[in-house]
Amino acid sequence: MTHNNGPVILIDDDADDHSVTVEILKEIGVRNPILTFTRCEDAYQYLTSNGNEPPFLIISDINLPKLNGIELKKMIDENPSLRKKSIPFVYYSTSGNKNLVDKAYENNIQGFFLKESSLEKIRASLAKVFDYWGQSLRPG
């Protein structure tokens, strides 16, 4: 489905959300490896120690303990090596209040999606995200 073979990075502190999201990604035809993290710190460590191939996409919850999704995005943008990889970064969160959305977009994210209440809506939302990024050209 995608032109980039890099992994999908999924960051969420809820194990049930990991399971549901990973299963849906497989259902919609995502063939990329899917790496799950419960903490932004661990995802950042992976990103900074993982050679040259950029991830296909980062999907992060925004409200996470310690280092949150907004702070992680700032750290990625402040790291010249990671910024150069142009990794698409989208938030996938249960919270979509205006202030949070505004704050997220101040950090040059590529999308903010609400965790939907039904599997069909989750499937449709994620399919759109992956279809878009699968067709989008990137530097490198």
C-alpha atoms as a PDB file:
ATOM      1  CA  MET A   1       0.000   0.000   0.000  1.00  0.00           C
ATOM      2  CA  THR A   2       2.859   2.400   0.706  1.00  0.00           C
ATOM      3  CA  HIS A   3       5.834   3.625  -1.296  1.00  0.00           C
ATOM      4  CA  ASN A   4       8.036   3.866   1.779  1.00  0.00           C
ATOM      5  CA  ASN A   5       9.007   0.612   3.463  1.00  0.00           C
ATOM      6  CA  GLY A   6       9.892   2.270   6.754  1.00  0.00           C
ATOM      7  CA  PRO A   7       8.026   1.297   9.888  1.00  0.00           C
ATOM      8  CA  VAL A   8       4.887   2.864  11.210  1.00  0.00           C
ATOM      9  CA  ILE A   9       5.583   4.245  14.686  1.00  0.00           C
ATOM     10  CA  LEU A  10       2.535   4.012  16.956  1.00  0.00           C
ATOM     11  CA  ILE A  11       2.764   5.770  20.318  1.00  0.00           C
ATOM     12  CA  ASP A  12      -0.049   5.293  22.806  1.00  0.00           C
ATOM     13  CA  ASP A  13      -0.068   4.423  26.497  1.00  0.00           C
ATOM     14  CA  ASP A  14      -3.170   2.211  26.119  1.00  0.00           C
ATOM     15  CA  ALA A  15      -2.383  -1.420  25.222  1.00  0.00           C
ATOM     16  CA  ASP A  16      -5.951  -2.011  23.991  1.00  0.00           C
ATOM     17  CA  ASP A  17      -5.625   0.918  21.569  1.00  0.00           C
ATOM     18  CA  HIS A  18      -2.359  -0.585  20.304  1.00  0.00           C
ATOM     19  CA  SER A  19      -4.042  -3.914  19.606  1.00  0.00           C
ATOM     20  CA  VAL A  20      -7.047  -2.388  17.851  1.00  0.00           C
ATOM     21  CA  THR A  21      -4.956  -0.001  15.759  1.00  0.00           C
ATOM     22  CA  VAL A  22      -2.428  -2.648  14.712  1.00  0.00           C
ATOM     23  CA  GLU A  23      -5.215  -5.045  13.704  1.00  0.00           C
ATOM     24  CA  ILE A  24      -6.984  -2.350  11.670  1.00  0.00           C
ATOM     25  CA  LEU A  25      -3.750  -1.322   9.950  1.00  0.00           C
ATOM     26  CA  LYS A  26      -3.250  -4.923   8.855  1.00  0.00           C
ATOM     27  CA  GLU A  27      -6.882  -5.116   7.689  1.00  0.00           C
ATOM     28  CA  ILE A  28      -6.508  -2.032   5.482  1.00  0.00           C
ATOM     29  CA  GLY A  29      -3.402  -3.457   3.839  1.00  0.00           C
ATOM     30  CA  VAL A  30      -0.526  -1.724   5.605  1.00  0.00           C
ATOM     31  CA  ARG A  31       2.487  -3.961   4.999  1.00  0.00           C
ATOM     32  CA  ASN A  32       5.021  -1.797   6.792  1.00  0.00           C
ATOM     33  CA  PRO A  33       6.378  -3.056  10.097  1.00  0.00           C
ATOM     34  CA  ILE A  34       4.402  -1.527  12.953  1.00  0.00           C
ATOM     35  CA  LEU A  35       6.393  -0.565  16.028  1.00  0.00           C
ATOM     36  CA  THR A  36       4.418   0.249  19.149  1.00  0.00           C
ATOM     37  CA  PHE A  37       5.608   2.383  22.033  1.00  0.00           C
ATOM     38  CA  THR A  38       3.855   3.335  25.260  1.00  0.00           C
ATOM     39  CA  ARG A  39       6.224   6.226  26.003  1.00  0.00           C
ATOM     40  CA  CYS A  40       7.426   9.056  23.783  1.00  0.00           C
ATOM     41  CA  GLU A  41      10.894   8.757  25.311  1.00  0.00           C
ATOM     42  CA  ASP A  42      11.253   5.223  23.962  1.00  0.00           C
ATOM     43  CA  ALA A  43      10.006   6.238  20.521  1.00  0.00           C
ATOM     44  CA  TYR A  44      12.482   9.126  20.421  1.00  0.00           C
ATOM     45  CA  GLN A  45      15.321   6.826  21.434  1.00  0.00           C
ATOM     46  CA  TYR A  46      14.349   4.486  18.581  1.00  0.00           C
ATOM     47  CA  LEU A  47      14.174   7.376  16.106  1.00  0.00           C
ATOM     48  CA  THR A  48      17.601   8.723  17.040  1.00  0.00           C
ATOM     49  CA  SER A  49      19.339   5.344  16.960  1.00  0.00           C
ATOM     50  CA  ASN A  50      17.721   3.852  13.863  1.00  0.00           C
ATOM     51  CA  GLY A  51      20.052   4.425  10.937  1.00  0.00           C
ATOM     52  CA  ASN A  52      19.025   6.098   7.720  1.00  0.00           C
ATOM     53  CA  GLU A  53      15.639   4.714   6.686  1.00  0.00           C
ATOM     54  CA  PRO A  54      12.942   7.077   7.936  1.00  0.00           C
ATOM     55  CA  PRO A  55       9.716   5.729   9.362  1.00  0.00           C
ATOM     56  CA  PHE A  56       6.770   5.828   6.993  1.00  0.00           C
ATOM     57  CA  LEU A  57       4.599   7.636   9.548  1.00  0.00           C
ATOM     58  CA  ILE A  58       4.405   8.487  13.244  1.00  0.00           C
ATOM     59  CA  ILE A  59       0.974   8.183  14.854  1.00  0.00           C
ATOM     60  CA  SER A  60       0.989   9.536  18.396  1.00  0.00           C
ATOM     61  CA  ASP A  61      -1.506  10.089  21.122  1.00  0.00           C
ATOM     62  CA  ILE A  62      -1.149  13.631  22.388  1.00  0.00           C
ATOM     63  CA  ASN A  63      -1.798  13.099  26.110  1.00  0.00           C
ATOM     64  CA  LEU A  64       0.954  10.857  27.399  1.00  0.00           C
ATOM     65  CA  PRO A  65       2.684  10.748  30.785  1.00  0.00           C
ATOM     66  CA  LYS A  66       6.037  12.481  31.222  1.00  0.00           C
ATOM     67  CA  LEU A  67       6.930  13.440  27.644  1.00  0.00           C
ATOM     68  CA  ASN A  68       3.721  14.124  25.692  1.00  0.00           C
ATOM     69  CA  GLY A  69       3.102  14.038  21.945  1.00  0.00           C
ATOM     70  CA  ILE A  70       3.589  17.789  21.487  1.00  0.00           C
ATOM     71  CA  GLU A  71       6.933  17.688  23.280  1.00  0.00           C
ATOM     72  CA  LEU A  72       8.010  14.705  21.175  1.00  0.00           C
ATOM     73  CA  LYS A  73       7.188  16.551  17.945  1.00  0.00           C
ATOM     74  CA  LYS A  74       9.243  19.546  19.133  1.00  0.00           C
ATOM     75  CA  MET A  75      12.200  17.268  19.892  1.00  0.00           C
ATOM     76  CA  ILE A  76      11.997  15.722  16.421  1.00  0.00           C
ATOM     77  CA  ASP A  77      11.884  19.149  14.781  1.00  0.00           C
ATOM     78  CA  GLU A  78      14.851  20.360  16.847  1.00  0.00           C
ATOM     79  CA  ASN A  79      16.969  17.360  15.812  1.00  0.00           C
ATOM     80  CA  PRO A  80      18.522  18.225  12.406  1.00  0.00           C
ATOM     81  CA  SER A  81      18.938  14.575  11.410  1.00  0.00           C
ATOM     82  CA  LEU A  82      15.306  13.691  12.174  1.00  0.00           C
ATOM     83  CA  ARG A  83      13.914  16.905  10.699  1.00  0.00           C
ATOM     84  CA  LYS A  84      15.723  16.170   7.427  1.00  0.00           C
ATOM     85  CA  LYS A  85      13.908  12.811   7.175  1.00  0.00           C
ATOM     86  CA  SER A  86      10.554  14.637   6.807  1.00  0.00           C
ATOM     87  CA  ILE A  87       8.660  12.002   8.800  1.00  0.00           C
ATOM     88  CA  PRO A  88       4.897  12.593   8.629  1.00  0.00           C
ATOM     89  CA  PHE A  89       3.561  13.057  12.165  1.00  0.00           C
ATOM     90  CA  VAL A  90      -0.120  12.818  13.029  1.00  0.00           C
ATOM     91  CA  TYR A  91      -1.940  12.869  16.322  1.00  0.00           C
ATOM     92  CA  TYR A  92      -4.574  10.272  17.052  1.00  0.00           C
ATOM     93  CA  SER A  93      -6.293  11.177  20.286  1.00  0.00           C
ATOM     94  CA  THR A  94      -9.535  10.965  22.235  1.00  0.00           C
ATOM     95  CA  SER A  95      -9.161  14.651  23.111  1.00  0.00           C
ATOM     96  CA  GLY A  96      -9.899  17.162  20.379  1.00  0.00           C
ATOM     97  CA  ASN A  97     -10.578  20.400  22.211  1.00  0.00           C
ATOM     98  CA  LYS A  98      -9.796  23.560  20.260  1.00  0.00           C
ATOM     99  CA  ASN A  99      -6.872  24.664  22.436  1.00  0.00           C
ATOM    100  CA  LEU A 100      -5.169  21.297  22.091  1.00  0.00           C
ATOM    101  CA  VAL A 101      -5.685  21.208  18.318  1.00  0.00           C
ATOM    102  CA  ASP A 102      -4.374  24.770  17.978  1.00  0.00           C
ATOM    103  CA  LYS A 103      -1.310  23.954  20.077  1.00  0.00           C
ATOM    104  CA  ALA A 104      -0.638  20.817  18.032  1.00  0.00           C
ATOM    105  CA  TYR A 105      -0.747  22.666  14.706  1.00  0.00           C
ATOM    106  CA  GLU A 106       1.623  25.336  16.029  1.00  0.00           C
ATOM    107  CA  ASN A 107       4.192  22.518  15.864  1.00  0.00           C
ATOM    108  CA  ASN A 108       3.796  21.791  12.152  1.00  0.00           C
ATOM    109  CA  ILE A 109       2.053  18.458  12.445  1.00  0.00           C
ATOM    110  CA  GLN A 110       0.530  16.836   9.392  1.00  0.00           C
ATOM    111  CA  GLY A 111      -2.809  15.860  10.897  1.00  0.00           C
ATOM    112  CA  PHE A 112      -4.940  15.549  14.020  1.00  0.00           C
ATOM    113  CA  PHE A 113      -7.501  12.762  14.106  1.00  0.00           C
ATOM    114  CA  LEU A 114      -9.954  11.762  16.805  1.00  0.00           C
ATOM    115  CA  LYS A 115     -10.065   8.188  17.999  1.00  0.00           C
ATOM    116  CA  GLU A 116     -13.466   7.204  16.761  1.00  0.00           C
ATOM    117  CA  SER A 117     -16.016   5.225  18.742  1.00  0.00           C
ATOM    118  CA  SER A 118     -16.641   2.434  16.236  1.00  0.00           C
ATOM    119  CA  LEU A 119     -14.281   0.083  14.459  1.00  0.00           C
ATOM    120  CA  GLU A 120     -15.760   1.082  11.091  1.00  0.00           C
ATOM    121  CA  LYS A 121     -15.013   4.768  11.713  1.00  0.00           C
ATOM    122  CA  ILE A 122     -11.488   3.982  12.946  1.00  0.00           C
ATOM    123  CA  ARG A 123     -10.882   1.836   9.863  1.00  0.00           C
ATOM    124  CA  ALA A 124     -12.140   4.577   7.508  1.00  0.00           C
ATOM    125  CA  SER A 125     -10.079   7.281   9.217  1.00  0.00           C
ATOM    126  CA  LEU A 126      -6.844   5.280   9.207  1.00  0.00           C
ATOM    127  CA  ALA A 127      -7.394   4.146   5.610  1.00  0.00           C
ATOM    128  CA  LYS A 128      -7.579   7.800   4.524  1.00  0.00           C
ATOM    129  CA  VAL A 129      -4.392   8.681   6.422  1.00  0.00           C
ATOM    130  CA  PHE A 130      -2.451   5.786   4.909  1.00  0.00           C
ATOM    131  CA  ASP A 131      -3.824   6.314   1.431  1.00  0.00           C
ATOM    132  CA  TYR A 132      -2.742   9.958   1.519  1.00  0.00           C
ATOM    133  CA  TRP A 133       0.758   9.344   2.874  1.00  0.00           C
ATOM    134  CA  GLY A 134       1.212   6.311   0.643  1.00  0.00           C
ATOM    135  CA  GLN A 135       0.824   8.547  -2.399  1.00  0.00           C
ATOM    136  CA  SER A 136       2.634  11.619  -1.093  1.00  0.00           C
ATOM    137  CA  LEU A 137       6.159  12.245  -2.361  1.00  0.00           C
ATOM    138  CA  ARG A 138       8.846  13.101   0.164  1.00  0.00           C
ATOM    139  CA  PRO A 139      12.451  14.224  -0.036  1.00  0.00           C
ATOM    140  CA  GLY A 140      15.234  11.692   0.023  1.00  0.00           C
END
